[in-house]
Protein backbone atom coordinates (compact mmCIF):
# COMPACT_ATOMS: atom_id res chain seq x y z
CA UNK A 1 -7.84 33.76 4.51
CA UNK A 2 -9.79 35.25 1.68
CA UNK A 3 -12.17 38.02 2.53
CA UNK A 4 -15.79 38.12 1.56
CA UNK A 5 -14.92 39.87 -1.65
CA UNK A 6 -14.19 37.29 -4.34
CA UNK A 7 -10.92 37.92 -6.19
CA UNK A 8 -10.82 38.13 -9.98
CA UNK A 9 -10.06 34.98 -11.97
CA UNK A 10 -6.71 36.54 -13.01
CA UNK A 11 -5.52 37.12 -9.46
CA UNK A 12 -6.85 33.67 -8.32
CA UNK A 13 -5.03 31.81 -11.05
CA UNK A 14 -1.79 33.59 -10.50
CA UNK A 15 -1.44 33.73 -6.75
CA UNK A 16 -3.78 31.39 -4.85
CA UNK A 17 -2.67 28.07 -3.42
CA UNK A 18 -4.68 25.30 -1.75
CA UNK A 19 -4.00 26.76 1.71
CA UNK A 20 -5.46 30.14 0.66
CA UNK A 21 -8.85 28.65 -0.35
CA UNK A 22 -11.80 29.36 2.06
CA UNK A 23 -12.55 26.49 4.49
CA UNK A 24 -15.00 23.96 3.10
CA UNK A 25 -16.81 21.28 5.00
CA UNK A 26 -16.35 17.62 4.11
CA UNK A 27 -20.04 17.48 3.10
CA UNK A 28 -19.64 20.42 0.72
CA UNK A 29 -16.39 19.02 -0.72
CA UNK A 30 -17.98 15.54 -1.25
CA UNK A 31 -21.10 17.03 -2.90
CA UNK A 32 -18.95 19.02 -5.31
CA UNK A 33 -16.84 16.01 -5.97
CA UNK A 34 -19.74 13.67 -6.68
CA UNK A 35 -21.05 16.06 -9.38
CA UNK A 36 -17.87 15.51 -11.52
CA UNK A 37 -16.00 12.49 -10.19
CA UNK A 38 -17.42 8.97 -10.35
CA UNK A 39 -18.46 8.12 -6.81
CA UNK A 40 -16.90 11.38 -5.59
CA UNK A 41 -13.53 9.70 -5.15
CA UNK A 42 -10.75 8.51 -7.35
CA UNK A 43 -10.07 5.35 -5.42
CA UNK A 44 -13.06 3.54 -3.83
CA UNK A 45 -11.85 2.95 -0.22
CA UNK A 46 -11.59 6.72 0.18
CA UNK A 47 -15.44 6.94 0.09
CA UNK A 48 -15.73 5.73 3.76
CA UNK A 49 -18.11 2.90 2.87
CA UNK A 50 -16.20 0.74 5.27
CA UNK A 51 -16.85 2.97 8.29
CA UNK A 52 -19.81 5.13 7.21
CA UNK A 53 -19.94 8.91 7.11
CA UNK A 54 -18.38 11.44 4.79
CA UNK A 55 -14.77 11.34 3.57
CA UNK A 56 -12.28 13.77 5.07
CA UNK A 57 -11.01 16.07 2.34
CA UNK A 58 -7.38 17.05 2.78
CA UNK A 59 -5.74 20.28 1.75
CA UNK A 60 -2.23 19.90 3.12
CA UNK A 61 0.17 17.54 4.90
CA UNK A 62 3.14 18.36 7.07
CA UNK A 63 5.30 15.78 8.75
CA UNK A 64 3.07 13.25 10.56
CA UNK A 65 -0.03 15.49 10.30
CA UNK A 66 -2.76 16.35 7.84
CA UNK A 67 -4.79 19.52 7.52
CA UNK A 68 -8.30 19.09 6.26
CA UNK A 69 -10.15 21.42 3.90
CA UNK A 70 -12.01 22.82 6.82
CA UNK A 71 -8.88 23.52 8.83
CA UNK A 72 -8.95 20.52 11.21
CA UNK A 73 -5.66 18.84 11.97
CA UNK A 74 -5.11 15.08 12.21
CA UNK A 75 -2.26 12.77 13.16
CA UNK A 76 -2.08 10.65 10.04
CA UNK A 77 -1.77 6.89 10.02
CA UNK A 78 -2.70 6.48 6.37
CA UNK A 79 0.50 8.02 5.07
CA UNK A 80 -0.77 7.85 1.50
CA UNK A 81 -1.39 4.15 2.04
CA UNK A 82 2.19 3.49 3.07
CA UNK A 83 3.98 5.59 0.43
CA UNK A 84 5.17 8.34 2.71
CA UNK A 85 7.75 6.67 5.00
CA UNK A 86 9.47 10.06 5.38
CA UNK A 87 6.19 11.82 6.25
CA UNK A 88 4.41 14.57 4.45
CA UNK A 89 6.46 17.23 2.54
CA UNK A 90 9.86 16.11 3.87
CA UNK A 91 12.21 18.99 2.90
CA UNK A 92 14.75 16.68 1.18
CA UNK A 93 12.05 15.04 -0.94
CA UNK A 94 10.36 18.32 -1.73
CA UNK A 95 13.70 19.88 -2.73
CA UNK A 96 14.59 16.94 -5.01
CA UNK A 97 11.25 16.99 -6.74
CA UNK A 98 11.21 20.76 -7.11
CA UNK A 99 14.65 20.70 -8.66
CA UNK A 100 13.59 17.99 -11.05
CA UNK A 101 10.37 19.85 -11.89
CA UNK A 102 12.36 23.01 -12.77
CA UNK A 103 14.22 21.06 -15.41
CA UNK A 104 11.15 19.58 -17.03
CA UNK A 105 8.13 17.43 -16.10
CA UNK A 106 8.45 14.54 -18.58
CA UNK A 107 10.62 13.79 -21.58
CA UNK A 108 9.53 10.50 -23.06
CA UNK A 109 13.30 9.70 -23.24
CA UNK A 110 15.80 8.03 -20.88
CA UNK A 111 17.29 10.02 -18.06
CA UNK A 112 20.30 9.51 -15.75
CA UNK A 113 17.94 9.61 -12.77
CA UNK A 114 16.14 6.47 -13.93
CA UNK A 115 19.45 4.62 -13.91
CA UNK A 116 20.37 5.93 -10.46
CA UNK A 117 16.99 4.81 -9.04
CA UNK A 118 17.38 1.36 -10.71
CA UNK A 119 20.91 1.07 -9.29
CA UNK A 120 19.54 1.71 -5.81
CA UNK A 121 16.87 -0.98 -6.24
CA UNK A 122 19.33 -3.49 -7.64
CA UNK A 123 21.69 -2.83 -4.83
CA UNK A 124 19.16 -3.11 -2.06
CA UNK A 125 16.45 -5.61 -3.06
CA UNK A 126 17.49 -9.27 -2.69
CA UNK A 127 18.18 -11.28 -5.89
CA UNK A 128 17.29 -8.40 -8.25
CA UNK A 129 19.65 -7.82 -11.22
CA UNK A 130 17.45 -5.81 -13.55
CA UNK A 131 14.42 -3.51 -13.02
CA UNK A 132 11.81 -1.92 -15.28
CA UNK A 133 10.22 1.27 -13.93
CA UNK A 134 6.54 1.85 -14.52
CA UNK A 135 3.79 4.24 -13.33
CA UNK A 136 1.94 2.17 -10.64
CA UNK A 137 2.03 -1.00 -8.61
CA UNK A 138 -0.94 -2.34 -10.53
CA UNK A 139 0.98 -2.00 -13.79
CA UNK A 140 4.09 -3.59 -12.24
CA UNK A 141 2.10 -6.64 -11.06
CA UNK A 142 0.21 -7.03 -14.30
CA UNK A 143 3.49 -6.98 -16.15
CA UNK A 144 5.04 -9.49 -13.77
CA UNK A 145 2.22 -11.93 -14.58
CA UNK A 146 2.77 -11.43 -18.32
CA UNK A 147 6.47 -11.98 -17.96
CA UNK A 148 5.96 -15.13 -15.81
CA UNK A 149 3.66 -16.58 -18.39
CA UNK A 150 6.18 -15.93 -21.14
CA UNK A 151 9.05 -17.43 -19.13
CA UNK A 152 7.22 -20.63 -18.15
CA UNK A 153 4.92 -21.04 -21.20
CA UNK A 154 2.04 -21.66 -18.83
CA UNK A 155 -1.23 -19.81 -18.14
CA UNK A 156 -2.43 -20.35 -14.54
CA UNK A 157 -1.84 -17.82 -11.83
CA UNK A 158 -2.27 -18.58 -8.11
CA UNK A 159 -3.20 -15.82 -5.63
CA UNK A 160 -4.62 -15.78 -2.14
CA UNK A 161 -8.08 -14.76 -0.94
CA UNK A 162 -8.12 -11.25 0.41
CA UNK A 163 -4.96 -10.21 -1.29
CA UNK A 164 -5.11 -7.16 -3.57
CA UNK A 165 -2.57 -6.82 -6.34
CA UNK A 166 -4.10 -3.98 -8.30
CA UNK A 167 -7.18 -3.86 -10.46
CA UNK A 168 -6.10 -5.78 -13.55
CA UNK A 169 -8.68 -8.26 -14.75
CA UNK A 170 -7.09 -11.55 -13.74
CA UNK A 171 -6.50 -10.39 -10.17
CA UNK A 172 -9.92 -9.02 -9.14
CA UNK A 173 -10.92 -12.49 -7.94
CA UNK A 174 -11.58 -12.64 -4.16
CA UNK A 175 -9.62 -9.42 -3.88
CA UNK A 176 -8.90 -7.46 -0.75
CA UNK A 177 -8.38 -3.71 -0.05
CA UNK A 178 -11.21 -1.51 -1.44
CA UNK A 179 -12.87 -4.46 -3.23
CA UNK A 180 -13.24 -6.32 0.06
CA UNK A 181 -14.31 -3.14 1.93
CA UNK A 182 -17.11 -2.53 -0.53
CA UNK A 183 -18.29 -6.13 -0.36
CA UNK A 184 -17.37 -6.85 -4.01
CA UNK A 185 -14.24 -9.03 -3.89
CA UNK A 186 -14.73 -9.65 -7.61
CA UNK A 187 -15.77 -7.17 -10.30
CA UNK A 188 -18.28 -7.05 -13.16
CA UNK A 189 -16.50 -6.49 -16.43
CA UNK A 190 -13.92 -9.21 -15.74
CA UNK A 191 -14.43 -11.87 -18.42
CA UNK A 192 -15.06 -15.36 -17.08
CA UNK A 193 -12.34 -16.76 -19.31
CA UNK A 194 -9.81 -14.38 -17.74
CA UNK A 195 -10.95 -15.09 -14.19
CA UNK A 196 -10.82 -18.82 -15.00
CA UNK A 197 -6.98 -18.60 -15.31
CA UNK A 198 -6.60 -17.55 -11.68
CA UNK A 199 -6.70 -20.00 -8.76
CA UNK A 200 -7.47 -18.60 -5.30
CA UNK A 201 -6.31 -20.23 -2.03
CA UNK A 202 -6.48 -19.31 1.67
CA UNK A 203 -3.53 -17.29 2.84
CA UNK A 204 -1.30 -19.22 5.25
CA UNK A 205 -2.67 -22.61 4.10
CA UNK A 206 0.35 -24.76 3.17
CA UNK A 207 -1.86 -27.87 2.73
CA UNK A 208 -4.18 -26.20 0.22
CA UNK A 209 -1.20 -24.92 -1.73
CA UNK A 210 0.31 -28.43 -1.86
CA UNK A 211 -2.93 -29.93 -3.01
CA UNK A 212 -3.27 -27.41 -5.82
CA UNK A 213 0.22 -28.05 -7.04
CA UNK A 214 -0.44 -31.87 -6.92
CA UNK A 215 -3.49 -31.30 -9.21
CA UNK A 216 -2.33 -28.53 -11.48
CA UNK A 217 1.31 -27.72 -10.84
CA UNK A 218 2.44 -28.32 -14.30
CA UNK A 219 0.09 -25.56 -15.57
CA UNK A 220 0.95 -22.91 -12.97
CA UNK A 221 3.01 -20.06 -14.35
CA UNK A 222 3.36 -18.14 -11.01
CA UNK A 223 2.20 -17.78 -7.48
CA UNK A 224 1.59 -14.15 -6.57
CA UNK A 225 1.86 -13.28 -2.89
CA UNK A 226 2.16 -10.47 -0.42
CA UNK A 227 4.65 -12.11 1.98
CA UNK A 228 3.11 -10.09 4.73
CA UNK A 229 -0.52 -9.51 3.51
CA UNK A 230 -1.61 -5.95 3.89
CA UNK A 231 -4.93 -5.65 2.11
CA UNK A 232 -7.26 -7.55 4.49
CA UNK A 233 -5.67 -5.73 7.34
CA UNK A 234 -2.14 -6.79 8.22
CA UNK A 235 -1.91 -10.61 8.24
CA UNK A 236 1.47 -12.04 9.18
CA UNK A 237 2.78 -15.15 7.37
CA UNK A 238 3.35 -18.47 9.03
CA UNK A 239 6.77 -20.20 8.56
CA UNK A 240 5.40 -23.45 7.08
CA UNK A 241 3.36 -21.44 4.55
CA UNK A 242 6.43 -19.55 3.38
CA UNK A 243 8.44 -22.74 3.15
CA UNK A 244 5.83 -24.39 1.05
CA UNK A 245 5.57 -21.35 -1.26
CA UNK A 246 9.25 -21.45 -2.15
CA UNK A 247 9.60 -25.28 -2.29
CA UNK A 248 6.49 -26.01 -4.39
CA UNK A 249 7.15 -23.25 -6.93
CA UNK A 250 10.70 -24.35 -7.44
CA UNK A 251 9.79 -28.08 -7.73
CA UNK A 252 7.11 -27.34 -10.34
CA UNK A 253 9.00 -24.77 -12.35
CA UNK A 254 6.48 -21.97 -11.45
CA UNK A 255 7.76 -18.50 -10.58
CA UNK A 256 7.22 -16.98 -7.16
CA UNK A 257 6.26 -13.34 -7.41
CA UNK A 258 6.59 -11.21 -4.26
CA UNK A 259 4.25 -8.26 -4.31
CA UNK A 260 6.18 -5.78 -2.23
CA UNK A 261 4.30 -2.68 -3.44
CA UNK A 262 3.31 -2.08 0.12
CA UNK A 263 6.02 -3.81 2.19
CA UNK A 264 9.05 -2.86 0.00
CA UNK A 265 11.38 -0.63 2.03
CA UNK A 266 8.51 -0.35 4.51
CA UNK A 267 9.06 -3.31 6.98
CA UNK A 268 12.84 -3.38 6.65
CA UNK A 269 15.76 -2.31 4.41
CA UNK A 270 15.12 -5.31 2.16
CA UNK A 271 11.40 -5.41 2.55
CA UNK A 272 9.38 -8.54 3.50
CA UNK A 273 11.74 -10.72 1.49
CA UNK A 274 14.62 -9.73 3.63
CA UNK A 275 12.68 -9.85 6.89
CA UNK A 276 11.42 -13.33 6.32
CA UNK A 277 14.25 -14.83 4.25
CA UNK A 278 12.18 -15.45 1.16
CA UNK A 279 13.88 -15.50 -2.23
CA UNK A 280 11.30 -14.65 -4.83
CA UNK A 281 11.85 -14.97 -8.57
CA UNK A 282 10.23 -11.62 -9.42
CA UNK A 283 9.32 -8.69 -7.16
CA UNK A 284 6.96 -5.79 -7.69
CA UNK A 285 7.50 -2.43 -6.01
CA UNK A 286 5.80 0.90 -5.72
CA UNK A 287 4.74 3.54 -3.18
CA UNK A 288 7.89 4.32 -1.23
CA UNK A 289 10.22 4.07 -4.24
CA UNK A 290 8.46 7.19 -5.64
CA UNK A 291 8.57 9.22 -2.45
CA UNK A 292 4.79 9.82 -2.66
CA UNK A 293 4.62 10.24 -6.43
CA UNK A 294 3.18 7.68 -8.83
CA UNK A 295 5.53 4.85 -9.64
CA UNK A 296 5.94 1.10 -9.96
CA UNK A 297 8.77 -1.26 -10.60
CA UNK A 298 9.27 -4.86 -11.66
CA UNK A 299 12.53 -6.51 -10.59
CA UNK A 300 14.16 -9.86 -10.98
CA UNK A 301 17.07 -11.77 -12.53
CA UNK A 302 18.57 -10.73 -15.87
CA UNK A 303 17.40 -13.99 -17.35
CA UNK A 304 13.84 -12.95 -16.80
CA UNK A 305 13.91 -9.19 -17.19
CA UNK A 306 15.94 -9.31 -20.42
CA UNK A 307 12.90 -10.93 -22.07
CA UNK A 308 11.14 -7.55 -21.88
CA UNK A 309 11.02 -5.43 -25.10
CA UNK A 310 13.20 -4.09 -26.63
CA UNK A 311 15.69 -6.86 -25.94
CA UNK A 312 13.03 -9.63 -25.79
CA UNK A 313 9.55 -10.33 -27.16
CA UNK A 314 7.53 -9.58 -24.01
CA UNK A 315 5.90 -6.16 -24.57
CA UNK A 316 5.62 -3.54 -21.82
CA UNK A 317 5.65 0.23 -22.32
CA UNK A 318 4.51 3.43 -20.68
CA UNK A 319 4.64 7.13 -21.60
CA UNK A 320 5.35 8.21 -18.06
CA UNK A 321 7.43 5.25 -17.00
CA UNK A 322 10.52 6.57 -15.09
CA UNK A 323 8.91 9.99 -14.75
CA UNK A 324 11.71 12.38 -13.58
CA UNK A 325 9.69 13.76 -10.68
CA UNK A 326 8.79 10.33 -9.33
CA UNK A 327 12.37 9.21 -9.79
CA UNK A 328 13.74 12.25 -7.90
CA UNK A 329 11.29 11.67 -5.06
CA UNK A 330 12.20 8.01 -4.90
CA UNK A 331 15.98 8.59 -4.83
CA UNK A 332 15.63 11.21 -2.11
CA UNK A 333 13.43 8.89 -0.01
CA UNK A 334 15.70 5.84 -0.45
CA UNK A 335 18.66 8.04 0.68
CA UNK A 336 16.77 9.04 3.79
CA UNK A 337 16.14 5.45 4.79
CA UNK A 338 19.58 4.07 3.93
CA UNK A 339 20.56 3.81 7.64
CA UNK A 340 19.15 0.61 9.23
CA UNK A 341 18.62 2.72 12.37
CA UNK A 342 15.57 4.07 10.64
CA UNK A 343 13.87 0.70 10.90
CA UNK A 344 14.83 0.28 14.51
CA UNK A 345 13.21 3.54 15.34
CA UNK A 346 10.06 2.66 13.37
CA UNK A 347 9.97 -0.70 15.13
CA UNK A 348 10.23 0.92 18.57
CA UNK A 349 7.37 3.35 17.81
CA UNK A 350 5.17 0.65 16.23
CA UNK A 351 5.74 -1.71 19.13
CA UNK A 352 4.88 1.08 21.60
CA UNK A 353 1.74 1.88 19.72
CA UNK A 354 0.62 -1.69 19.35
CA UNK A 355 1.41 -2.63 23.02
CA UNK A 356 -0.39 0.56 24.21
CA UNK A 357 -3.49 -0.21 22.23
CA UNK A 358 -3.63 -3.75 23.55
CA UNK A 359 -3.16 -2.59 27.20
CA UNK A 360 -5.87 0.07 26.98
CA UNK A 361 -8.27 -2.35 25.32
CA UNK A 362 -7.67 -4.86 28.11
CA UNK A 363 -8.38 -2.25 30.73
CA UNK A 364 -11.72 -1.57 28.98
CA UNK A 365 -12.37 -5.33 28.50
CA UNK A 366 -12.41 -5.00 24.79
CA UNK A 367 -10.97 -7.89 22.81
CA UNK A 368 -8.53 -6.86 20.07
CA UNK A 369 -5.46 -8.04 18.26
CA UNK A 370 -2.80 -5.65 16.82
CA UNK A 371 -0.53 -7.43 14.27
CA UNK A 372 2.36 -5.17 13.41
CA UNK A 373 5.74 -4.79 11.63
CA UNK A 374 8.08 -1.81 11.69
CA UNK A 375 6.03 1.12 10.46
CA UNK A 376 2.91 -0.99 9.62
CA UNK A 377 0.02 -2.26 11.78
CA UNK A 378 -3.65 -3.14 11.93
CA UNK A 379 -6.29 -3.38 14.65
CA UNK A 380 -8.73 -6.27 14.53
CA UNK A 381 -11.63 -6.37 16.94
CA UNK A 382 -11.26 -10.03 17.78
CA UNK A 383 -9.54 -12.09 20.47
CA UNK A 384 -8.11 -14.55 18.03
CA UNK A 385 -5.11 -13.98 15.73
CA UNK A 386 -6.15 -13.26 12.17
CA UNK A 387 -4.40 -15.69 9.74
CA UNK A 388 -6.44 -15.39 6.55
CA UNK A 389 -9.44 -13.74 4.85
CA UNK A 390 -11.97 -15.98 6.67
CA UNK A 391 -10.67 -15.05 10.15
CA UNK A 392 -10.45 -11.40 9.09
CA UNK A 393 -14.09 -11.40 8.08
CA UNK A 394 -15.09 -12.76 11.53
CA UNK A 395 -13.76 -9.69 13.27
CA UNK A 396 -16.24 -6.94 14.39
CA UNK A 397 -16.31 -4.28 11.72
CA UNK A 398 -18.99 -2.23 13.48
CA UNK A 399 -16.69 -1.90 16.51
CA UNK A 400 -13.88 -0.79 14.19
CA UNK A 401 -16.16 1.79 12.66
CA UNK A 402 -17.08 3.28 16.05
CA UNK A 403 -13.41 3.25 17.06
CA UNK A 404 -12.46 4.94 13.78
CA UNK A 405 -14.89 7.75 14.19
CA UNK A 406 -14.06 8.28 17.87
CA UNK A 407 -10.39 8.70 16.93
CA UNK A 408 -11.23 10.92 13.95
CA UNK A 409 -13.26 13.15 16.19
CA UNK A 410 -10.20 13.46 18.49
CA UNK A 411 -7.83 14.32 15.62
CA UNK A 412 -6.46 10.89 14.73
CA UNK A 413 -6.96 9.61 11.13
CA UNK A 414 -6.85 5.85 10.53
CA UNK A 415 -7.48 4.11 7.18
CA UNK A 416 -11.32 4.15 6.71
CA UNK A 417 -11.71 0.34 6.63
CA UNK A 418 -11.23 -2.59 9.00
CA UNK A 419 -9.50 -4.33 6.08
CA UNK A 420 -6.63 -1.97 5.50
CA UNK A 421 -3.24 -1.57 7.08
CA UNK A 422 -2.16 1.57 8.89
CA UNK A 423 1.28 3.10 8.74
CA UNK A 424 3.80 5.21 10.69
CA UNK A 425 6.46 7.52 9.15
CA UNK A 426 9.81 8.89 10.22
CA UNK A 427 7.90 12.08 11.09
CA UNK A 428 5.94 10.31 13.81
CA UNK A 429 7.30 10.94 17.32
CA UNK A 430 6.52 9.78 20.82
CA UNK A 431 4.09 12.65 21.37
CA UNK A 432 2.01 11.43 18.40
CA UNK A 433 1.85 7.92 19.96
CA UNK A 434 0.89 9.49 23.37
CA UNK A 435 -1.94 11.41 21.77
CA UNK A 436 -3.15 8.35 19.85
CA UNK A 437 -3.16 6.14 22.95
CA UNK A 438 -5.07 8.74 24.90
CA UNK A 439 -7.67 8.96 22.17
CA UNK A 440 -7.87 5.17 21.95
CA UNK A 441 -8.47 4.91 25.73
CA UNK A 442 -11.49 7.19 25.31
CA UNK A 443 -12.71 5.20 22.26
CA UNK A 444 -12.44 1.83 24.07
CA UNK A 445 -14.28 3.19 27.14
CA UNK A 446 -17.13 4.30 24.82
CA UNK A 447 -17.20 0.84 23.16
CA UNK A 448 -17.44 -0.82 26.57
CA UNK A 449 -20.44 1.28 27.65
């Protein structure tokens, strides 16, 4: 720790790291942030509007745990919103990124590492022959829509209420994630003409999808879907819905775009497509494929991807696309999860956590549901399964907020919203699950009083 004597600027800039800074309360950190950052955060859900209170400011992460700016330690179930499947600061990922950084941070030119990461994606993601690396999942999904429109010569896009596919204009219509948490599922600044090209349907509603295709199928360029929806909490797909998605898009000539930014390499070695047997035309990826660094990717058949510039007329570009640090982190992470046993372990831990939460809630006579997939889960304060946005919004957000703060006070950090998914990493172990279930038992008892 730093003594009361403040070091000179020269010494501070040369030798201090984040862990050397004096402890700061969340309130002090947030006040300082609000003075210079819009809203005090650089992504809205971090502001804790979904649960109330002050955001936790983090200074360090190690394995399955976070260290706050004031020194508190937390078991982490945010995992950088699913990006950190290997946990915080995994030695192999840190070493790969450090070695890449020592050679240069960005070149604006092709690198062999980009090709290696692309090769891994083509090898592991179903039905992908080409990829284009980008800097974020938002960018990948925006580009997928542009490409789909170019391939089909059509304008309309179909999405599902409560799904969040990034903050591009045409997709901030009945959006999930932070937009839903803040109570603004659409956004000012989106032109009506742009929003008018997006059709929104209930998730898991095969009949509504069929009716839309009967009315407007010839004008639909693409249906954009999270096969397992993760941005209104985790909502699992129903078989007839998935069947209708694939059948109706094929029959109409529309493309099916699987948004696997969250689920790609998270819920299985081939993502949600592999788990549910869905063959999408295009897929968007992010999060895990950068090992915790900014990245996005668009993948699909050569017949589609070869239409992107420079070989085709569909323009997409980015100064930091294929950034060497992100690529190095992604390659190291994908190598760590190459063994299918990784997912069996994640599934065992996630099942144990979900079953334990359900049992402790029953003992306290609290009604919850805990949908889950390997390494991914949600808790809904409702006795009924959540199958779409409407049922998600009927859950009890105030109970979630009380549960969240009780766990936070006991050293367990969940996503600060009832409409976000939580995650586990390879760094989580049984003792983390034990501690979480013990904290949950205390929280449920308090809710029952």
